[in-house]
Protein backbone atom coordinates (compact mmCIF):
# COMPACT_ATOMS: atom_id res chain seq x y z
CA UNK A 1 -34.33 -27.32 69.31
CA UNK A 2 -33.73 -30.92 68.41
CA UNK A 3 -31.25 -31.79 71.14
CA UNK A 4 -29.97 -30.44 74.53
CA UNK A 5 -27.36 -27.63 74.09
CA UNK A 6 -24.34 -26.80 76.27
CA UNK A 7 -24.64 -23.38 77.73
CA UNK A 8 -21.72 -21.00 77.74
CA UNK A 9 -20.52 -20.27 81.22
CA UNK A 10 -20.90 -16.64 82.32
CA UNK A 11 -17.52 -15.00 83.35
CA UNK A 12 -17.45 -14.45 87.23
CA UNK A 13 -17.30 -10.54 86.92
CA UNK A 14 -20.58 -10.76 84.96
CA UNK A 15 -22.24 -12.95 87.58
CA UNK A 16 -21.19 -10.76 90.45
CA UNK A 17 -22.74 -7.49 89.47
CA UNK A 18 -23.76 -5.84 92.69
CA UNK A 19 -27.02 -3.97 93.47
CA UNK A 20 -25.35 -0.58 93.39
CA UNK A 21 -23.82 -1.40 89.96
CA UNK A 22 -27.33 -2.38 88.74
CA UNK A 23 -28.64 1.03 89.96
CA UNK A 24 -25.84 2.88 88.29
CA UNK A 25 -26.23 1.14 85.08
CA UNK A 26 -29.94 1.71 85.10
CA UNK A 27 -29.31 5.46 85.68
CA UNK A 28 -27.00 5.54 82.72
CA UNK A 29 -29.72 3.90 80.48
CA UNK A 30 -32.20 6.71 81.48
CA UNK A 31 -29.49 9.28 80.81
CA UNK A 32 -28.69 7.89 77.34
CA UNK A 33 -32.47 7.87 76.58
CA UNK A 34 -32.93 11.48 77.25
CA UNK A 35 -33.60 13.66 74.12
CA UNK A 36 -32.11 16.75 75.93
CA UNK A 37 -28.86 14.91 76.33
CA UNK A 38 -28.81 13.72 72.74
CA UNK A 39 -29.25 17.37 71.58
CA UNK A 40 -26.64 18.71 74.03
CA UNK A 41 -24.16 16.02 72.99
CA UNK A 42 -24.49 17.00 69.40
CA UNK A 43 -24.02 20.71 70.22
CA UNK A 44 -20.98 20.16 72.44
CA UNK A 45 -17.74 19.79 70.49
CA UNK A 46 -16.25 17.67 73.26
CA UNK A 47 -19.11 14.99 73.09
CA UNK A 48 -20.34 15.30 69.47
CA UNK A 49 -17.90 12.68 68.34
CA UNK A 50 -19.25 10.11 70.72
CA UNK A 51 -22.81 10.51 69.61
CA UNK A 52 -21.79 10.32 65.91
CA UNK A 53 -19.73 7.14 66.52
CA UNK A 54 -22.59 5.42 68.27
CA UNK A 55 -25.02 6.35 65.58
CA UNK A 56 -22.59 5.00 62.97
CA UNK A 57 -22.25 1.75 64.99
CA UNK A 58 -26.00 1.29 65.05
CA UNK A 59 -26.27 1.90 61.33
CA UNK A 60 -23.35 -0.52 60.76
CA UNK A 61 -25.35 -3.22 62.73
CA UNK A 62 -28.30 -2.66 60.67
CA UNK A 63 -26.32 -2.67 57.29
CA UNK A 64 -23.95 -5.52 58.10
CA UNK A 65 -25.86 -8.04 55.91
CA UNK A 66 -25.60 -5.63 52.94
CA UNK A 67 -21.92 -5.22 53.47
CA UNK A 68 -21.38 -9.02 53.49
CA UNK A 69 -23.42 -9.34 50.34
CA UNK A 70 -21.18 -6.75 48.59
CA UNK A 71 -18.26 -8.86 49.67
CA UNK A 72 -19.95 -12.04 48.36
CA UNK A 73 -20.81 -10.37 45.10
CA UNK A 74 -17.18 -9.29 44.61
CA UNK A 75 -15.94 -12.83 45.26
CA UNK A 76 -18.43 -14.59 42.97
CA UNK A 77 -17.41 -12.05 40.14
CA UNK A 78 -13.74 -12.82 40.92
CA UNK A 79 -13.17 -9.02 40.97
CA UNK A 80 -10.17 -9.37 43.39
CA UNK A 81 -8.12 -11.60 41.20
CA UNK A 82 -9.29 -9.66 38.18
CA UNK A 83 -8.13 -6.34 39.57
CA UNK A 84 -4.86 -7.76 41.06
CA UNK A 85 -3.65 -8.14 37.46
CA UNK A 86 -4.37 -4.49 36.67
CA UNK A 87 -6.81 -1.62 37.35
CA UNK A 88 -9.84 -1.63 35.03
CA UNK A 89 -12.63 0.85 34.21
CA UNK A 90 -16.33 0.14 34.64
CA UNK A 91 -16.79 -0.90 30.95
CA UNK A 92 -13.99 -3.27 30.99
CA UNK A 93 -15.14 -4.97 34.18
CA UNK A 94 -18.71 -5.09 32.89
CA UNK A 95 -17.45 -6.78 29.65
CA UNK A 96 -15.62 -9.52 31.74
CA UNK A 97 -18.30 -10.08 34.36
CA UNK A 98 -21.24 -9.78 32.02
CA UNK A 99 -23.05 -7.55 34.39
CA UNK A 100 -24.85 -4.33 33.29
CA UNK A 101 -22.75 -1.21 33.90
CA UNK A 102 -25.57 0.47 35.75
CA UNK A 103 -25.85 -2.27 38.32
CA UNK A 104 -22.18 -3.05 38.45
CA UNK A 105 -21.29 0.56 39.23
CA UNK A 106 -23.31 0.25 42.48
CA UNK A 107 -21.49 -2.71 43.44
CA UNK A 108 -18.09 -1.18 42.71
CA UNK A 109 -18.60 2.08 44.49
CA UNK A 110 -19.89 0.22 47.48
CA UNK A 111 -16.94 -1.91 47.48
CA UNK A 112 -14.78 1.23 47.48
CA UNK A 113 -16.56 2.71 50.41
CA UNK A 114 -15.98 -0.61 52.34
CA UNK A 115 -12.24 -0.47 51.49
CA UNK A 116 -12.30 -3.47 49.25
CA UNK A 117 -11.56 -1.57 46.25
CA UNK A 118 -10.02 1.88 45.47
CA UNK A 119 -10.67 4.50 42.77
CA UNK A 120 -7.73 4.90 40.50
CA UNK A 121 -6.73 7.36 37.67
CA UNK A 122 -8.78 7.41 34.47
CA UNK A 123 -12.00 6.33 36.28
CA UNK A 124 -10.55 2.86 36.81
CA UNK A 125 -10.92 0.51 39.93
CA UNK A 126 -8.01 -1.25 41.78
CA UNK A 127 -7.61 -3.21 44.94
CA UNK A 128 -8.12 -1.67 48.23
CA UNK A 129 -6.30 -2.55 51.44
CA UNK A 130 -9.05 -5.12 52.38
CA UNK A 131 -9.13 -6.51 48.95
CA UNK A 132 -5.51 -7.50 48.60
CA UNK A 133 -5.84 -10.47 51.10
CA UNK A 134 -8.80 -11.79 49.27
CA UNK A 135 -6.76 -11.83 46.06
CA UNK A 136 -3.78 -13.49 47.56
CA UNK A 137 -5.52 -16.13 49.91
CA UNK A 138 -8.11 -18.32 48.14
CA UNK A 139 -9.17 -19.72 51.60
CA UNK A 140 -10.78 -16.26 52.67
CA UNK A 141 -12.93 -16.26 49.46
CA UNK A 142 -13.91 -19.86 50.05
CA UNK A 143 -15.13 -18.95 53.61
CA UNK A 144 -17.08 -15.89 52.30
CA UNK A 145 -18.81 -18.17 49.70
CA UNK A 146 -19.45 -20.83 52.35
CA UNK A 147 -21.00 -18.34 54.76
CA UNK A 148 -24.21 -18.04 52.46
CA UNK A 149 -25.29 -21.16 54.13
CA UNK A 150 -25.24 -19.54 57.57
CA UNK A 151 -27.18 -16.54 56.19
CA UNK A 152 -29.90 -18.81 54.77
CA UNK A 153 -30.29 -20.51 58.24
CA UNK A 154 -30.42 -17.14 59.94
CA UNK A 155 -32.96 -15.42 57.73
CA UNK A 156 -35.45 -15.81 60.59
CA UNK A 157 -33.22 -15.61 63.67
CA UNK A 158 -35.97 -16.67 66.11
CA UNK A 159 -36.79 -19.71 64.11
CA UNK A 160 -33.28 -20.39 63.82
CA UNK A 161 -32.71 -20.33 67.53
CA UNK A 162 -35.62 -22.74 68.05
CA UNK A 163 -34.38 -25.14 65.31
CA UNK A 164 -30.64 -25.20 65.42
CA UNK A 165 -28.86 -27.98 63.82
CA UNK A 166 -31.65 -28.36 61.27
CA UNK A 167 -30.44 -26.16 58.47
CA UNK A 168 -28.08 -26.00 55.58
CA UNK A 169 -24.94 -25.63 57.67
CA UNK A 170 -25.76 -28.68 59.79
CA UNK A 171 -26.05 -30.72 56.54
CA UNK A 172 -22.73 -29.34 55.36
CA UNK A 173 -20.91 -30.67 58.55
CA UNK A 174 -22.39 -34.05 59.15
CA UNK A 175 -19.87 -35.29 61.53
CA UNK A 176 -20.66 -32.62 64.11
CA UNK A 177 -24.07 -34.02 64.93
CA UNK A 178 -23.99 -37.57 63.61
CA UNK A 179 -21.82 -40.13 65.47
CA UNK A 180 -22.15 -42.63 62.54
CA UNK A 181 -21.30 -40.10 59.81
CA UNK A 182 -18.64 -42.19 58.30
CA UNK A 183 -21.17 -44.94 57.69
CA UNK A 184 -24.09 -42.72 56.56
CA UNK A 185 -22.53 -39.87 54.52
CA UNK A 186 -21.35 -39.96 50.86
CA UNK A 187 -17.67 -39.53 50.24
CA UNK A 188 -18.27 -36.27 48.32
CA UNK A 189 -19.55 -34.52 51.56
CA UNK A 190 -16.32 -35.43 53.33
CA UNK A 191 -14.28 -34.14 50.30
CA UNK A 192 -16.47 -30.95 50.29
CA UNK A 193 -15.84 -29.92 53.95
CA UNK A 194 -12.31 -31.27 53.98
CA UNK A 195 -11.46 -29.03 51.05
CA UNK A 196 -12.92 -25.97 52.87
CA UNK A 197 -11.04 -26.76 56.08
CA UNK A 198 -7.82 -27.09 54.22
CA UNK A 199 -8.19 -23.90 52.24
CA UNK A 200 -9.22 -21.83 55.30
CA UNK A 201 -6.59 -23.26 57.72
CA UNK A 202 -3.59 -21.47 56.22
CA UNK A 203 -3.49 -18.56 58.82
CA UNK A 204 -4.12 -21.08 61.68
CA UNK A 205 -1.21 -23.26 60.45
CA UNK A 206 1.08 -20.29 60.40
CA UNK A 207 0.19 -19.11 63.80
CA UNK A 208 1.08 -22.56 65.39
CA UNK A 209 4.18 -22.98 63.45
CA UNK A 210 5.49 -19.48 64.46
CA UNK A 211 4.49 -19.87 68.10
CA UNK A 212 5.65 -23.26 69.14
CA UNK A 213 8.98 -24.99 69.09
CA UNK A 214 8.68 -28.48 67.60
CA UNK A 215 12.34 -29.48 67.71
CA UNK A 216 12.07 -31.38 71.14
CA UNK A 217 9.59 -33.80 69.66
CA UNK A 218 10.04 -36.94 67.66
CA UNK A 219 6.43 -37.98 66.77
CA UNK A 220 3.18 -35.95 66.59
CA UNK A 221 -0.43 -37.38 66.54
CA UNK A 222 -2.78 -34.96 64.84
CA UNK A 223 -6.32 -35.78 66.01
CA UNK A 224 -9.11 -34.74 63.57
CA UNK A 225 -6.44 -34.26 60.87
CA UNK A 226 -8.88 -33.61 58.09
CA UNK A 227 -7.12 -33.36 54.74
CA UNK A 228 -3.80 -33.21 56.33
CA UNK A 229 -3.13 -29.57 55.63
CA UNK A 230 -1.66 -28.82 59.04
CA UNK A 231 0.08 -32.05 59.37
CA UNK A 232 1.79 -31.82 55.94
CA UNK A 233 2.94 -28.22 56.61
CA UNK A 234 4.30 -29.42 59.99
CA UNK A 235 6.21 -32.26 58.28
CA UNK A 236 7.83 -29.74 55.91
CA UNK A 237 8.47 -27.31 58.78
CA UNK A 238 10.11 -29.85 61.07
CA UNK A 239 11.70 -32.47 58.82
CA UNK A 240 12.69 -34.77 61.82
CA UNK A 241 9.11 -35.48 62.90
CA UNK A 242 7.06 -38.64 62.39
CA UNK A 243 3.35 -37.96 61.85
CA UNK A 244 0.42 -39.96 62.89
CA UNK A 245 -3.10 -38.81 61.63
CA UNK A 246 -6.25 -39.84 63.23
CA UNK A 247 -9.62 -39.13 61.56
CA UNK A 248 -12.71 -40.84 59.97
CA UNK A 249 -11.56 -43.43 57.38
CA UNK A 250 -12.90 -41.42 54.23
CA UNK A 251 -11.21 -38.33 55.50
CA UNK A 252 -7.78 -39.98 55.83
CA UNK A 253 -8.07 -41.16 52.32
CA UNK A 254 -7.86 -37.39 51.41
CA UNK A 255 -4.98 -36.81 53.82
CA UNK A 256 -3.03 -39.59 52.30
CA UNK A 257 -3.34 -37.88 48.86
CA UNK A 258 -2.02 -34.69 50.35
CA UNK A 259 0.99 -36.25 51.87
CA UNK A 260 1.62 -38.23 48.52
CA UNK A 261 1.45 -34.90 46.56
CA UNK A 262 4.29 -33.62 48.78
CA UNK A 263 6.31 -36.69 48.85
CA UNK A 264 5.87 -37.18 52.62
CA UNK A 265 4.40 -40.64 52.88
CA UNK A 266 7.53 -42.20 54.33
CA UNK A 267 7.00 -40.26 57.51
CA UNK A 268 3.27 -40.80 57.78
CA UNK A 269 1.04 -43.31 59.70
CA UNK A 270 -2.66 -43.32 58.96
CA UNK A 271 -4.86 -44.25 62.05
CA UNK A 272 -8.49 -44.42 60.95
CA UNK A 273 -11.20 -44.18 63.71
CA UNK A 274 -13.82 -42.15 65.41
CA UNK A 275 -12.71 -40.67 68.72
CA UNK A 276 -16.37 -40.86 70.04
CA UNK A 277 -15.83 -44.52 70.63
CA UNK A 278 -12.32 -45.58 69.28
CA UNK A 279 -9.09 -45.34 71.44
CA UNK A 280 -6.34 -43.16 70.09
CA UNK A 281 -3.13 -44.62 68.93
CA UNK A 282 -0.07 -44.50 71.24
CA UNK A 283 3.58 -43.52 70.39
CA UNK A 284 3.43 -39.82 69.93
CA UNK A 285 4.98 -37.50 72.40
CA UNK A 286 2.89 -34.50 71.23
CA UNK A 287 -0.76 -34.46 70.32
CA UNK A 288 -2.20 -31.59 68.31
CA UNK A 289 -5.91 -30.75 68.34
CA UNK A 290 -6.48 -28.00 65.74
CA UNK A 291 -9.93 -26.55 65.33
CA UNK A 292 -11.62 -29.63 66.67
CA UNK A 293 -12.76 -28.99 70.25
CA UNK A 294 -15.05 -26.13 69.44
CA UNK A 295 -17.10 -28.38 67.01
CA UNK A 296 -18.38 -30.62 69.87
CA UNK A 297 -20.26 -30.37 73.09
CA UNK A 298 -18.49 -30.43 76.51
CA UNK A 299 -19.03 -33.99 77.21
CA UNK A 300 -17.43 -35.08 74.05
CA UNK A 301 -14.52 -32.68 74.47
CA UNK A 302 -13.87 -33.88 77.97
CA UNK A 303 -13.88 -37.48 76.79
CA UNK A 304 -11.49 -36.68 73.94
CA UNK A 305 -9.14 -34.71 76.31
CA UNK A 306 -9.06 -37.75 78.53
CA UNK A 307 -8.26 -40.12 75.68
CA UNK A 308 -5.38 -37.86 74.46
CA UNK A 309 -4.05 -37.87 78.13
CA UNK A 310 -4.18 -41.69 78.29
CA UNK A 311 -2.54 -42.01 74.83
CA UNK A 312 0.40 -39.69 75.69
CA UNK A 313 3.61 -40.86 77.53
CA UNK A 314 4.56 -39.30 80.73
CA UNK A 315 5.76 -35.80 80.00
CA UNK A 316 3.84 -35.84 76.77
CA UNK A 317 2.30 -32.49 75.52
CA UNK A 318 -1.14 -31.52 74.11
CA UNK A 319 -1.24 -28.64 71.76
CA UNK A 320 -4.84 -27.24 71.35
CA UNK A 321 -5.39 -24.37 68.77
CA UNK A 322 -8.74 -22.90 67.76
CA UNK A 323 -10.65 -19.47 67.95
CA UNK A 324 -11.53 -18.87 71.52
CA UNK A 325 -13.98 -16.55 73.24
CA UNK A 326 -12.79 -13.39 74.96
CA UNK A 327 -13.00 -13.10 78.71
CA UNK A 328 -15.25 -10.57 80.29
CA UNK A 329 -12.21 -8.16 80.97
CA UNK A 330 -11.32 -8.33 77.31
CA UNK A 331 -14.98 -7.78 76.27
CA UNK A 332 -14.75 -4.49 78.25
CA UNK A 333 -11.93 -3.28 76.00
CA UNK A 334 -14.19 -3.12 72.81
CA UNK A 335 -16.61 -4.84 70.43
CA UNK A 336 -16.21 -8.61 70.05
CA UNK A 337 -17.66 -9.30 66.56
CA UNK A 338 -15.56 -12.42 66.13
CA UNK A 339 -17.22 -13.94 69.17
CA UNK A 340 -20.57 -13.18 67.78
CA UNK A 341 -19.74 -14.83 64.45
CA UNK A 342 -18.32 -18.02 66.00
CA UNK A 343 -21.16 -18.36 68.61
CA UNK A 344 -23.80 -18.51 65.80
CA UNK A 345 -21.68 -20.39 63.23
CA UNK A 346 -21.00 -23.20 65.73
CA UNK A 347 -24.61 -23.33 66.72
CA UNK A 348 -25.74 -23.63 63.02
CA UNK A 349 -22.99 -26.23 62.46
CA UNK A 350 -23.78 -28.69 65.07
CA UNK A 351 -23.37 -29.17 68.80
CA UNK A 352 -20.18 -27.26 69.59
CA UNK A 353 -19.56 -23.76 71.11
CA UNK A 354 -16.99 -21.20 71.45
CA UNK A 355 -15.11 -21.48 74.63
CA UNK A 356 -12.77 -19.19 76.65
CA UNK A 357 -9.15 -20.18 77.25
CA UNK A 358 -10.01 -20.49 80.87
CA UNK A 359 -12.84 -22.93 80.26
CA UNK A 360 -10.60 -25.10 77.99
CA UNK A 361 -7.80 -25.12 80.55
CA UNK A 362 -10.21 -26.18 83.22
CA UNK A 363 -11.26 -29.13 81.06
CA UNK A 364 -7.67 -30.03 80.31
CA UNK A 365 -7.01 -29.95 84.05
CA UNK A 366 -9.83 -32.35 84.72
CA UNK A 367 -8.37 -34.71 82.21
CA UNK A 368 -5.08 -34.80 84.15
CA UNK A 369 -2.98 -32.15 82.36
CA UNK A 370 -0.59 -29.85 84.28
CA UNK A 371 1.69 -26.94 83.50
CA UNK A 372 -1.24 -25.33 81.46
CA UNK A 373 -0.22 -22.39 79.36
CA UNK A 374 -1.70 -20.00 76.86
CA UNK A 375 0.91 -19.20 74.24
CA UNK A 376 1.23 -15.66 72.98
CA UNK A 377 0.65 -15.47 69.15
CA UNK A 378 0.44 -12.54 66.88
CA UNK A 379 -3.09 -13.07 65.51
CA UNK A 380 -5.45 -14.49 67.97
CA UNK A 381 -8.37 -13.76 65.67
CA UNK A 382 -7.25 -16.94 63.71
CA UNK A 383 -6.65 -19.16 66.74
CA UNK A 384 -5.21 -19.14 70.23
CA UNK A 385 -2.96 -21.83 71.46
CA UNK A 386 -3.09 -23.88 74.71
CA UNK A 387 -0.37 -26.32 76.05
CA UNK A 388 -0.85 -28.88 78.60
CA UNK A 389 1.56 -31.62 79.83
CA UNK A 390 1.01 -35.10 81.12
CA UNK A 391 2.71 -35.23 84.53
CA UNK A 392 5.86 -37.18 84.96
CA UNK A 393 4.91 -38.63 88.29
CA UNK A 394 1.68 -39.90 89.95
CA UNK A 395 -0.51 -37.20 91.69
């Protein structure tokens, strides 16, 4: 490990397990391990489904990497776009992809079993329910392709845990672990990750625009604006707004091009800087922080929240949107694979971590925000949305 790492705070219910609960859980472990119970559960119609389901879950954990590689293979062969045009048979697909029919058949039938493709008449293949979004939203395919960096870093999981921030993912996201990235890193690297952020941000943008009412605001400061995907969509959504964009200078050049392509530069103010050591511009009554906090350690996030609070006028609002960890009570409702993914993705990326809404609201409160609120939104898997207001009177 090359630098100190923030530890996730254990939720209170997990920290307060009592001795009798420990004893009960240990008794359950011994019960589950009993060969006699296993054989009985398989023979009993009322319990057989539980045993089969758990066996399938273990197999899925073991096979998960193969599933992801089947998905990656389909993306790299552009199968989803190809089959969106019309269903094709094995020979037609092999001709277009230049992969042997014998090997390609295994990929196709595997994709069918995963719900990515479907079998159609005359031995053809078409899109499955899970393949349609990949055909319609390029950002999903871009993230699937991008994830091969994470898989390379995690080939040896124990070596990865002992050498986080040293792999291919950390190199891809230089700003996450290098405070002087703007001076050290070539423009092409900023273009590369900014393009990925923009293409993968579509669902997050829609969650925010559908969940929050922007009409009461006159000027929005987007901190960590990237290529300007969110800010430009917001400008089209709320045509009365003025937009201020704050990010590293080479990144804002890309954002400027985005606004120029949409004819929105007359409402745009570019504010180049690094929030690690530069003050934020004033004048906005709403500050948006979209998929930024989870890229950075607690100390940096707390400092940034304080700067946002200082930059806002009294009554001004902070909107923070990003994927967030489930609470302990939510974890009890079922598996949390999205949490697993983001915990390790952010570890490989740099110094950030996945936080619960409660953790972020506590940090916002320490910075001086009041009226903290978790907005309901339809797809929290993409992002959850927090609001905080700068008080209108002195404490």
